[in-house]
Amino acid sequence: MLAVAGLGLLAGCSTPKPLPPPVSVAATTPVWHAPLPHAGDPGRLVSWWTQFDDPLLPVLIDEAQAAHPVLAQALARIQQARAGQRVAASAGWPTVGANVQAQRSSGAATGFNPVSQTSAIVDAGWEIDLFGGVRQGVTAARARAEQAELGWHEARVSLAAEVAQTYIGLRACEAAVALFTREADSLGRSSALVQKKADVGFEAPANAKLAQASAAQARDRVTAQQTECALLVKALVLLTGAEEPALRERLATRNARLPQPAAFALTTLPAATLAQRPDLAAAERELQASAADVGVAEAARWPQLTIGGNLGIGLVRTGGSTSDALTWGFGPNLSLPIFNRGRLQAQADAARARYDEARAGYALKLRQAVREVEEALLRLDASHRREADARTAAEGLRSFLVSTEERARLGSASVIETEDARRLTLSAESTLLALQREQVSAWISLYRAVGGGWTRENNTPS
């Protein structure tokens, strides 16, 4: 008992030193260095998808989140982590076990009389958590269970953004097909007209060949773009699990129309914005779990005390007589790690190194989060500022092309002039379409970068 008391005193003065506090989100830059989006009536981020002017997009996102294997995997990881938490918590409670045995034998030692032996023993034990190893194990398991739940939220945000980016890409692709088809039809008509002029000697044969080549290139662009659109439909089928014919039928209702998102407001303080990111919260839980793992490894270097006992009864029957016996035992069991060639110390050092790795990983994720938000903000601002000029250029060149085509019909403009005007117009309209897609894509990237509407009060899967 004196030894046990000494151990208790030793535990009070030998507990491992507390670890330094984890990196805080408040350690980010004090303000954003990129322009914040401005909107007169910004919508709520948590219900942002329903505020698009395209009702099909949120439906596709819901279908993907209901059927995609990535979320099923995340749910399975949650169940595993919760089971691990229960296992770790059970280590702090007493254990009770039973052993029942029956045997029948005979031999020279018993005069060849059969002997029947029956015994039943109940064992109980309880490890006294002197140095907090069990408690730290429970803390680590709880943190990893929370980390798994946060991973599920992060998977939902990422999947929603991926579906949206694929859907936006499809609508932009369809718009490009419409643009290229219009150009191909126009070039086909021009090529036929130039060929007729060449046939009667009013146009050089080389110009007719040039017009034919331009029309062929335009048709090739249409075919290539249609293939890209078909691949994006396949991607949506994979993401949502929908049947392709039914999905194509639904997609046809808004062909080539880019959905327009509602704006949402951001706070000027990065810490307040980044607190909405579930991946950062998950990295914080991993840091907490790694710190608790250090406590578990440190506790393993110190003596372990277990209080145990047993109660048993045995019956022996031979030669028509029966005898029984009742046994019991109770007492402490002290385990002392005296010599292990530094194995326990090495395990503690490895746990501390993993903690340092998790701490550095958390700091890296924090920096990456700041970068992702500011990149999305810059792209959003640039696309807004460039759109007006791109639209003016596209409209002006379209008018110039119409005028040039009219002059060509009257004979005052050459085929080469017309083709140059057409090429410039196609480039300007393609640039405008790419900017419009980039603007919507930047909003989606910003949605993902700021956590996609997740908050610490969100419900977790059961």
Protein backbone atom coordinates (compact mmCIF):
# COMPACT_ATOMS: atom_id res chain seq x y z
CA MET A 1 0.00 0.00 0.00
CA LEU A 2 2.95 2.31 0.65
CA ALA A 3 4.16 1.59 -2.88
CA VAL A 4 0.75 2.50 -4.27
CA ALA A 5 0.70 5.71 -2.27
CA GLY A 6 4.17 6.51 -3.57
CA LEU A 7 2.97 5.99 -7.10
CA GLY A 8 0.10 8.39 -6.52
CA LEU A 9 2.54 11.02 -5.28
CA LEU A 10 4.79 10.32 -8.27
CA ALA A 11 1.84 10.75 -10.61
CA GLY A 12 1.14 14.19 -9.21
CA CYS A 13 4.62 15.49 -9.98
CA SER A 14 5.54 13.57 -13.14
CA THR A 15 2.63 14.24 -15.50
CA PRO A 16 3.94 15.21 -18.97
CA LYS A 17 4.17 18.92 -19.62
CA PRO A 18 1.24 20.46 -21.49
CA LEU A 19 1.72 21.02 -25.19
CA PRO A 20 1.80 24.51 -26.72
CA PRO A 21 -1.58 25.84 -27.87
CA PRO A 22 -2.58 25.04 -31.48
CA VAL A 23 -2.35 27.54 -34.28
CA SER A 24 -5.40 29.81 -34.24
CA VAL A 25 -7.43 31.02 -37.18
CA ALA A 26 -6.91 34.49 -35.74
CA ALA A 27 -3.28 34.20 -36.88
CA THR A 28 -4.36 35.01 -40.45
CA THR A 29 -3.88 38.38 -42.09
CA PRO A 30 -5.86 41.17 -40.36
CA VAL A 31 -7.78 42.11 -43.53
CA TRP A 32 -8.28 40.74 -47.03
CA HIS A 33 -5.91 42.15 -49.66
CA ALA A 34 -8.39 41.50 -52.46
CA PRO A 35 -11.60 43.43 -53.26
CA LEU A 36 -14.73 42.04 -51.63
CA PRO A 37 -17.78 41.43 -53.85
CA HIS A 38 -20.44 44.09 -53.57
CA ALA A 39 -24.14 43.44 -53.89
CA GLY A 40 -27.16 45.43 -52.84
CA ASP A 41 -28.98 42.45 -51.33
CA PRO A 42 -26.60 39.54 -50.77
CA GLY A 43 -28.18 36.15 -50.18
CA ARG A 44 -27.50 33.71 -47.37
CA LEU A 45 -24.64 31.36 -48.14
CA VAL A 46 -26.28 28.35 -46.52
CA SER A 47 -29.14 28.38 -49.08
CA TRP A 48 -27.12 29.88 -51.91
CA TRP A 49 -27.74 27.21 -54.56
CA THR A 50 -31.50 27.75 -54.44
CA GLN A 51 -30.94 31.43 -55.26
CA PHE A 52 -29.57 30.68 -58.74
CA ASP A 53 -31.91 31.53 -61.60
CA ASP A 54 -31.67 27.89 -62.72
CA PRO A 55 -33.90 25.53 -60.68
CA LEU A 56 -32.21 22.42 -62.11
CA LEU A 57 -28.81 23.11 -60.50
CA PRO A 58 -29.83 22.66 -56.84
CA VAL A 59 -31.79 19.54 -57.81
CA LEU A 60 -28.68 17.99 -59.38
CA ILE A 61 -26.64 18.89 -56.30
CA ASP A 62 -29.19 17.23 -54.02
CA GLU A 63 -29.19 14.11 -56.19
CA ALA A 64 -25.40 13.92 -56.09
CA GLN A 65 -25.31 14.27 -52.31
CA ALA A 66 -27.89 11.54 -51.95
CA ALA A 67 -26.17 9.01 -54.17
CA HIS A 68 -22.46 9.73 -54.56
CA PRO A 69 -20.08 7.10 -53.11
CA VAL A 70 -17.77 9.79 -51.72
CA LEU A 71 -20.37 10.76 -49.12
CA ALA A 72 -21.09 7.10 -48.39
CA GLN A 73 -17.37 6.64 -47.68
CA ALA A 74 -17.39 9.69 -45.43
CA LEU A 75 -20.36 8.30 -43.49
CA ALA A 76 -18.56 4.96 -43.08
CA ARG A 77 -15.52 6.79 -41.69
CA ILE A 78 -17.78 8.53 -39.19
CA GLN A 79 -19.14 5.20 -37.98
CA GLN A 80 -15.62 3.82 -37.66
CA ALA A 81 -14.45 6.85 -35.68
CA ARG A 82 -17.47 6.73 -33.37
CA ALA A 83 -16.84 3.03 -32.72
CA GLY A 84 -13.22 3.87 -31.92
CA GLN A 85 -14.42 6.51 -29.48
CA ARG A 86 -16.55 3.93 -27.67
CA VAL A 87 -13.60 1.53 -27.54
CA ALA A 88 -11.36 4.20 -26.03
CA ALA A 89 -14.02 5.19 -23.47
CA SER A 90 -14.48 1.57 -22.38
CA ALA A 91 -10.83 1.43 -21.25
CA GLY A 92 -11.65 3.60 -18.24
CA TRP A 93 -14.27 1.19 -16.88
CA PRO A 94 -13.85 -2.08 -14.96
CA THR A 95 -13.88 -5.29 -16.98
CA VAL A 96 -15.62 -8.49 -15.93
CA GLY A 97 -15.15 -11.87 -17.60
CA ALA A 98 -16.19 -15.46 -16.94
CA ASN A 99 -14.60 -18.79 -17.71
CA VAL A 100 -16.46 -22.11 -17.46
CA GLN A 101 -14.68 -25.43 -17.98
CA ALA A 102 -15.77 -29.10 -17.84
CA GLN A 103 -13.55 -32.17 -18.20
CA ARG A 104 -13.96 -35.93 -17.84
CA SER A 105 -10.97 -38.24 -17.60
CA SER A 106 -9.76 -41.60 -16.28
CA GLY A 107 -6.42 -43.27 -15.76
CA ALA A 108 -4.15 -45.23 -13.47
CA ALA A 109 -3.90 -42.32 -11.03
CA THR A 110 -7.63 -42.63 -10.31
CA GLY A 111 -7.81 -46.42 -10.40
CA PHE A 112 -9.28 -46.12 -13.88
CA ASN A 113 -12.41 -44.60 -12.32
CA PRO A 114 -13.87 -41.79 -14.43
CA VAL A 115 -13.40 -38.31 -12.94
CA SER A 116 -15.64 -35.36 -13.82
CA GLN A 117 -14.27 -31.86 -13.12
CA THR A 118 -16.25 -28.65 -13.50
CA SER A 119 -15.11 -25.12 -12.69
CA ALA A 120 -16.46 -21.61 -13.11
CA ILE A 121 -14.40 -18.46 -12.49
CA VAL A 122 -15.43 -14.82 -12.66
CA ASP A 123 -12.56 -12.30 -13.15
CA ALA A 124 -12.77 -8.54 -12.68
CA GLY A 125 -10.15 -5.85 -13.24
CA TRP A 126 -9.86 -2.09 -13.30
CA GLU A 127 -6.85 -0.12 -14.49
CA ILE A 128 -6.24 2.98 -12.38
CA ASP A 129 -5.51 5.85 -14.77
CA LEU A 130 -2.62 7.24 -12.75
CA PHE A 131 -0.92 9.21 -15.53
CA GLY A 132 -3.89 10.08 -17.73
CA GLY A 133 -3.20 7.64 -20.57
CA VAL A 134 -6.78 6.42 -20.72
CA ARG A 135 -8.16 9.92 -20.44
CA GLN A 136 -5.90 11.17 -23.24
CA GLY A 137 -6.90 8.19 -25.38
CA VAL A 138 -10.56 9.15 -24.98
CA THR A 139 -9.72 12.74 -25.92
CA ALA A 140 -7.89 11.60 -29.06
CA ALA A 141 -10.74 9.30 -30.11
CA ARG A 142 -13.33 12.02 -29.55
CA ALA A 143 -11.32 14.51 -31.62
CA ARG A 144 -10.99 12.02 -34.47
CA ALA A 145 -14.70 11.27 -34.39
CA GLU A 146 -15.40 14.99 -34.72
CA GLN A 147 -12.79 15.16 -37.48
CA ALA A 148 -14.61 12.43 -39.40
CA GLU A 149 -17.90 14.31 -39.09
CA LEU A 150 -16.23 17.48 -40.36
CA GLY A 151 -14.79 15.48 -43.24
CA TRP A 152 -18.35 14.58 -44.20
CA HIS A 153 -19.28 18.27 -44.28
CA GLU A 154 -16.20 19.06 -46.36
CA ALA A 155 -17.09 16.27 -48.79
CA ARG A 156 -20.59 17.73 -49.18
CA VAL A 157 -19.22 21.22 -49.91
CA SER A 158 -16.66 19.88 -52.40
CA LEU A 159 -19.20 17.67 -54.15
CA ALA A 160 -21.69 20.53 -54.50
CA ALA A 161 -18.99 22.75 -55.98
CA GLU A 162 -17.87 20.00 -58.37
CA VAL A 163 -21.41 19.40 -59.62
CA ALA A 164 -21.92 23.13 -60.08
CA GLN A 165 -18.62 23.63 -61.93
CA THR A 166 -19.43 20.71 -64.23
CA TYR A 167 -22.93 22.05 -64.86
CA ILE A 168 -21.60 25.56 -65.59
CA GLY A 169 -19.01 24.04 -67.91
CA LEU A 170 -21.76 22.17 -69.78
CA ARG A 171 -23.91 25.28 -70.23
CA ALA A 172 -20.91 27.29 -71.44
CA CYS A 173 -20.01 24.44 -73.78
CA GLU A 174 -23.54 24.41 -75.20
CA ALA A 175 -23.35 28.17 -75.71
CA ALA A 176 -20.06 27.70 -77.57
CA VAL A 177 -21.70 25.05 -79.76
CA ALA A 178 -24.48 27.51 -80.60
CA LEU A 179 -21.91 30.20 -81.39
CA PHE A 180 -19.78 27.90 -83.56
CA THR A 181 -22.87 26.49 -85.31
CA ARG A 182 -24.03 29.97 -86.18
CA GLU A 183 -20.61 30.76 -87.61
CA ALA A 184 -20.47 27.48 -89.50
CA ASP A 185 -23.88 28.14 -91.09
CA SER A 186 -22.82 31.63 -92.08
CA LEU A 187 -19.54 30.38 -93.51
CA GLY A 188 -21.36 27.67 -95.41
CA ARG A 189 -23.60 30.23 -97.06
CA SER A 190 -20.65 32.50 -97.84
CA SER A 191 -18.66 29.61 -99.28
CA ALA A 192 -21.54 28.68 -101.58
CA LEU A 193 -21.86 32.30 -102.74
CA VAL A 194 -18.13 32.67 -103.40
CA GLN A 195 -18.11 29.38 -105.32
CA LYS A 196 -20.90 30.62 -107.57
CA LYS A 197 -18.96 33.82 -108.25
CA ALA A 198 -15.82 31.81 -109.01
CA ASP A 199 -17.76 29.59 -111.39
CA VAL A 200 -18.73 32.60 -113.54
CA GLY A 201 -15.36 34.32 -113.23
CA PHE A 202 -16.25 37.07 -110.76
CA GLU A 203 -14.07 35.61 -107.99
CA ALA A 204 -10.65 33.98 -107.98
CA PRO A 205 -10.65 30.17 -107.50
CA ALA A 206 -8.22 30.61 -104.61
CA ASN A 207 -10.79 32.70 -102.77
CA ALA A 208 -13.36 29.96 -103.28
CA LYS A 209 -10.93 27.45 -101.78
CA LEU A 210 -10.31 29.79 -98.84
CA ALA A 211 -14.04 30.08 -98.18
CA GLN A 212 -14.44 26.29 -98.37
CA ALA A 213 -11.53 25.78 -95.94
CA SER A 214 -13.01 28.28 -93.47
CA ALA A 215 -16.39 26.52 -93.61
CA ALA A 216 -14.72 23.15 -93.04
CA GLN A 217 -12.80 24.50 -90.02
CA ALA A 218 -16.02 25.90 -88.58
CA ARG A 219 -17.79 22.55 -88.91
CA ASP A 220 -14.80 20.86 -87.23
CA ARG A 221 -15.04 23.30 -84.32
CA VAL A 222 -18.71 22.44 -83.91
CA THR A 223 -18.00 18.70 -83.86
CA ALA A 224 -15.15 19.06 -81.36
CA GLN A 225 -17.25 21.27 -79.08
CA GLN A 226 -20.19 18.87 -79.23
CA THR A 227 -17.86 16.09 -78.10
CA GLU A 228 -16.75 18.17 -75.12
CA CYS A 229 -20.39 18.75 -74.18
CA ALA A 230 -21.12 15.02 -74.38
CA LEU A 231 -18.19 14.34 -72.03
CA LEU A 232 -19.55 16.87 -69.52
CA VAL A 233 -22.95 15.16 -69.62
CA LYS A 234 -21.18 11.88 -68.83
CA ALA A 235 -19.48 13.60 -65.89
CA LEU A 236 -22.85 14.76 -64.55
CA VAL A 237 -24.20 11.22 -64.89
CA LEU A 238 -21.27 9.98 -62.79
CA LEU A 239 -21.73 12.69 -60.16
CA THR A 240 -25.50 12.45 -59.76
CA GLY A 241 -26.12 8.77 -60.50
CA ALA A 242 -28.96 9.77 -62.84
CA GLU A 243 -29.96 7.81 -65.94
CA GLU A 244 -28.41 9.52 -68.95
CA PRO A 245 -31.52 9.67 -71.20
CA ALA A 246 -33.62 11.21 -68.42
CA LEU A 247 -30.81 13.61 -67.51
CA ARG A 248 -30.42 14.75 -71.12
CA GLU A 249 -34.15 15.39 -71.29
CA ARG A 250 -34.01 17.60 -68.22
CA LEU A 251 -30.89 19.40 -69.45
CA ALA A 252 -32.54 20.22 -72.78
CA THR A 253 -35.01 22.61 -71.16
CA ARG A 254 -32.31 25.26 -70.53
CA ASN A 255 -29.85 24.51 -73.30
CA ALA A 256 -26.89 26.95 -73.63
CA ARG A 257 -28.10 29.19 -70.78
CA LEU A 258 -25.51 30.06 -68.15
CA PRO A 259 -27.14 30.22 -64.70
CA GLN A 260 -26.63 33.42 -62.78
CA PRO A 261 -25.88 33.17 -59.06
CA ALA A 262 -26.96 35.47 -56.28
CA ALA A 263 -24.22 37.40 -54.50
CA PHE A 264 -23.28 36.73 -50.90
CA ALA A 265 -21.46 38.98 -48.48
CA LEU A 266 -18.09 38.37 -46.86
CA THR A 267 -16.83 39.85 -43.62
CA THR A 268 -13.73 42.00 -43.86
CA LEU A 269 -11.94 39.87 -41.25
CA PRO A 270 -10.37 36.64 -42.61
CA ALA A 271 -10.64 34.91 -39.22
CA ALA A 272 -14.43 35.28 -39.19
CA THR A 273 -14.70 33.97 -42.75
CA LEU A 274 -12.30 31.05 -42.43
CA ALA A 275 -14.03 29.85 -39.26
CA GLN A 276 -16.74 28.61 -41.65
CA ARG A 277 -14.41 26.08 -43.36
CA PRO A 278 -14.99 22.50 -42.21
CA ASP A 279 -11.57 21.37 -43.48
CA LEU A 280 -9.84 23.84 -41.15
CA ALA A 281 -11.99 22.68 -38.27
CA ALA A 282 -11.07 19.07 -39.15
CA ALA A 283 -7.37 19.96 -39.17
CA GLU A 284 -7.84 21.53 -35.75
CA ARG A 285 -9.35 18.27 -34.45
CA GLU A 286 -6.41 16.30 -35.86
CA LEU A 287 -4.10 18.63 -33.97
CA GLN A 288 -6.04 18.00 -30.77
CA ALA A 289 -5.92 14.25 -31.35
CA SER A 290 -2.17 14.36 -31.97
CA ALA A 291 -1.66 16.26 -28.74
CA ALA A 292 -3.66 13.63 -26.85
CA ASP A 293 -1.62 10.87 -28.53
CA VAL A 294 1.48 12.43 -26.97
CA GLY A 295 -0.19 12.12 -23.58
CA VAL A 296 -0.97 8.44 -24.24
CA ALA A 297 2.63 7.73 -25.27
CA GLU A 298 4.02 9.59 -22.25
CA ALA A 299 1.72 7.71 -19.86
CA ALA A 300 2.96 4.38 -21.24
CA ARG A 301 6.45 5.20 -19.90
CA TRP A 302 5.22 5.16 -16.29
CA PRO A 303 4.02 2.32 -14.02
CA GLN A 304 0.52 0.94 -14.52
CA LEU A 305 -1.65 -0.11 -11.59
CA THR A 306 -4.55 -2.54 -11.98
CA ILE A 307 -6.93 -3.62 -9.24
CA GLY A 308 -8.20 -7.13 -9.90
CA GLY A 309 -9.97 -10.03 -8.32
CA ASN A 310 -11.59 -13.36 -9.05
CA LEU A 311 -14.21 -15.67 -7.61
CA GLY A 312 -14.41 -19.34 -8.58
CA ILE A 313 -16.11 -22.61 -7.73
CA GLY A 314 -14.98 -26.09 -8.69
CA LEU A 315 -16.71 -29.50 -8.55
CA VAL A 316 -14.97 -32.89 -8.74
CA ARG A 317 -16.96 -36.13 -8.99
CA THR A 318 -15.33 -39.57 -8.91
CA GLY A 319 -16.29 -42.99 -7.64
CA GLY A 320 -19.77 -41.81 -6.68
CA SER A 321 -18.49 -39.01 -4.41
CA THR A 322 -18.50 -35.28 -5.07
CA SER A 323 -16.28 -32.56 -3.63
CA ASP A 324 -16.39 -28.84 -4.23
CA ALA A 325 -14.18 -25.85 -3.53
CA LEU A 326 -14.74 -22.10 -3.45
CA THR A 327 -11.79 -19.84 -4.32
CA TRP A 328 -11.36 -16.09 -4.39
CA GLY A 329 -8.61 -13.55 -4.76
CA PHE A 330 -8.24 -9.74 -4.67
CA GLY A 331 -5.33 -7.34 -4.88
CA PRO A 332 -3.37 -4.77 -6.90
CA ASN A 333 -1.12 -5.56 -9.86
CA LEU A 334 1.75 -3.15 -10.53
CA SER A 335 3.49 -3.18 -13.90
CA LEU A 336 6.87 -1.39 -14.07
CA PRO A 337 8.56 -0.66 -17.43
CA ILE A 338 12.18 -1.06 -16.29
CA PHE A 339 14.20 -1.92 -19.39
CA ASN A 340 12.94 -1.75 -22.98
CA ARG A 341 15.96 -0.32 -24.86
CA GLY A 342 14.30 3.08 -25.23
CA ARG A 343 11.24 1.75 -27.07
CA LEU A 344 8.70 3.68 -24.96
CA GLN A 345 10.74 6.87 -25.15
CA ALA A 346 11.01 6.48 -28.92
CA GLN A 347 7.24 6.04 -29.15
CA ALA A 348 6.74 9.24 -27.15
CA ASP A 349 9.22 11.08 -29.40
CA ALA A 350 7.39 9.80 -32.47
CA ALA A 351 4.06 11.02 -31.05
CA ARG A 352 5.54 14.48 -30.46
CA ALA A 353 6.90 14.51 -34.01
CA ARG A 354 3.42 13.64 -35.33
CA TYR A 355 2.04 16.50 -33.27
CA ASP A 356 4.59 18.87 -34.81
CA GLU A 357 3.63 17.56 -38.25
CA ALA A 358 -0.08 18.15 -37.54
CA ARG A 359 0.68 21.64 -36.26
CA ALA A 360 2.64 22.50 -39.40
CA GLY A 361 -0.11 20.97 -41.54
CA TYR A 362 -2.72 23.11 -39.82
CA ALA A 363 -0.67 26.26 -40.44
CA LEU A 364 -0.25 25.27 -44.10
CA LYS A 365 -3.99 24.67 -44.55
CA LEU A 366 -4.65 28.08 -43.02
CA ARG A 367 -2.36 29.78 -45.51
CA GLN A 368 -3.86 27.84 -48.40
CA ALA A 369 -7.36 28.85 -47.27
CA VAL A 370 -6.39 32.54 -47.32
CA ARG A 371 -4.92 32.10 -50.78
CA GLU A 372 -8.01 30.31 -52.13
CA VAL A 373 -10.34 33.02 -50.90
CA GLU A 374 -8.23 35.86 -52.23
CA GLU A 375 -7.71 34.14 -55.61
CA ALA A 376 -11.47 33.69 -55.98
CA LEU A 377 -12.03 37.32 -55.02
CA LEU A 378 -9.48 38.54 -57.56
CA ARG A 379 -10.95 36.41 -60.36
CA LEU A 380 -14.45 37.57 -59.51
CA ASP A 381 -13.44 41.23 -59.51
CA ALA A 382 -11.44 40.92 -62.74
CA SER A 383 -14.25 39.16 -64.60
CA HIS A 384 -16.71 41.86 -63.47
CA ARG A 385 -14.46 44.68 -64.65
CA ARG A 386 -13.60 43.01 -67.97
CA GLU A 387 -17.12 42.00 -68.92
CA ALA A 388 -18.32 45.45 -70.03
CA ASP A 389 -15.35 45.95 -72.37
CA ALA A 390 -15.63 42.42 -73.72
CA ARG A 391 -19.32 42.93 -74.42
CA THR A 392 -18.66 46.23 -76.19
CA ALA A 393 -15.94 44.60 -78.30
CA ALA A 394 -18.15 41.66 -79.24
CA GLU A 395 -21.11 43.86 -80.19
CA GLY A 396 -18.91 46.25 -82.20
CA LEU A 397 -17.19 43.47 -84.12
CA ARG A 398 -20.52 41.76 -84.81
CA SER A 399 -21.79 45.00 -86.39
CA PHE A 400 -18.53 45.32 -88.34
CA LEU A 401 -18.91 41.76 -89.64
CA VAL A 402 -22.47 42.40 -90.79
CA SER A 403 -21.30 45.52 -92.62
CA THR A 404 -18.35 43.69 -94.19
CA GLU A 405 -20.56 40.82 -95.35
CA GLU A 406 -22.92 43.33 -96.96
CA ARG A 407 -20.01 45.04 -98.72
CA ALA A 408 -18.77 41.65 -99.90
CA ARG A 409 -22.17 40.91 -101.46
CA LEU A 410 -21.97 44.24 -103.29
CA GLY A 411 -18.41 43.50 -104.43
CA SER A 412 -16.66 46.22 -102.43
CA ALA A 413 -15.01 43.89 -99.88
CA SER A 414 -12.85 40.86 -100.55
CA VAL A 415 -13.21 37.36 -99.18
CA ILE A 416 -10.06 37.88 -97.13
CA GLU A 417 -11.50 41.03 -95.52
CA THR A 418 -14.69 39.16 -94.66
CA GLU A 419 -12.79 36.23 -93.18
CA ASP A 420 -10.65 38.56 -91.07
CA ALA A 421 -13.76 40.29 -89.75
CA ARG A 422 -15.38 36.94 -89.03
CA ARG A 423 -12.30 35.66 -87.20
CA LEU A 424 -12.11 38.77 -85.01
CA THR A 425 -15.83 38.58 -84.23
CA LEU A 426 -15.65 34.90 -83.30
CA SER A 427 -12.67 35.57 -81.02
CA ALA A 428 -14.44 38.47 -79.29
CA GLU A 429 -17.67 36.51 -78.75
CA SER A 430 -15.70 33.52 -77.43
CA THR A 431 -13.85 35.81 -75.03
CA LEU A 432 -17.12 37.25 -73.76
CA LEU A 433 -18.55 33.76 -73.23
CA ALA A 434 -15.40 32.64 -71.40
CA LEU A 435 -15.60 35.70 -69.13
CA GLN A 436 -19.23 35.02 -68.30
CA ARG A 437 -18.37 31.44 -67.40
CA GLU A 438 -15.34 32.59 -65.38
CA GLN A 439 -17.52 34.97 -63.39
CA VAL A 440 -19.98 32.26 -62.36
CA SER A 441 -17.10 29.85 -61.73
CA ALA A 442 -15.41 32.42 -59.48
CA TRP A 443 -18.56 32.65 -57.35
CA ILE A 444 -18.57 28.85 -57.00
CA SER A 445 -14.87 28.85 -56.09
CA LEU A 446 -15.52 31.54 -53.51
CA TYR A 447 -18.42 29.50 -52.12
CA ARG A 448 -16.11 26.54 -51.63
CA ALA A 449 -13.23 28.65 -50.30
CA VAL A 450 -15.33 30.13 -47.49
CA GLY A 451 -16.76 26.83 -46.35
CA GLY A 452 -19.93 26.52 -48.40
CA GLY A 453 -22.34 27.68 -45.72
CA TRP A 454 -21.13 25.21 -43.09
CA THR A 455 -21.21 26.48 -39.51
CA ARG A 456 -20.25 24.86 -36.25
CA GLU A 457 -23.93 24.56 -35.40
CA ASN A 458 -24.72 22.44 -38.48
CA ASN A 459 -26.25 19.04 -37.86
CA THR A 460 -24.02 16.02 -38.34
CA PRO A 461 -25.12 12.68 -39.80
CA SER A 462 -26.53 10.19 -37.33
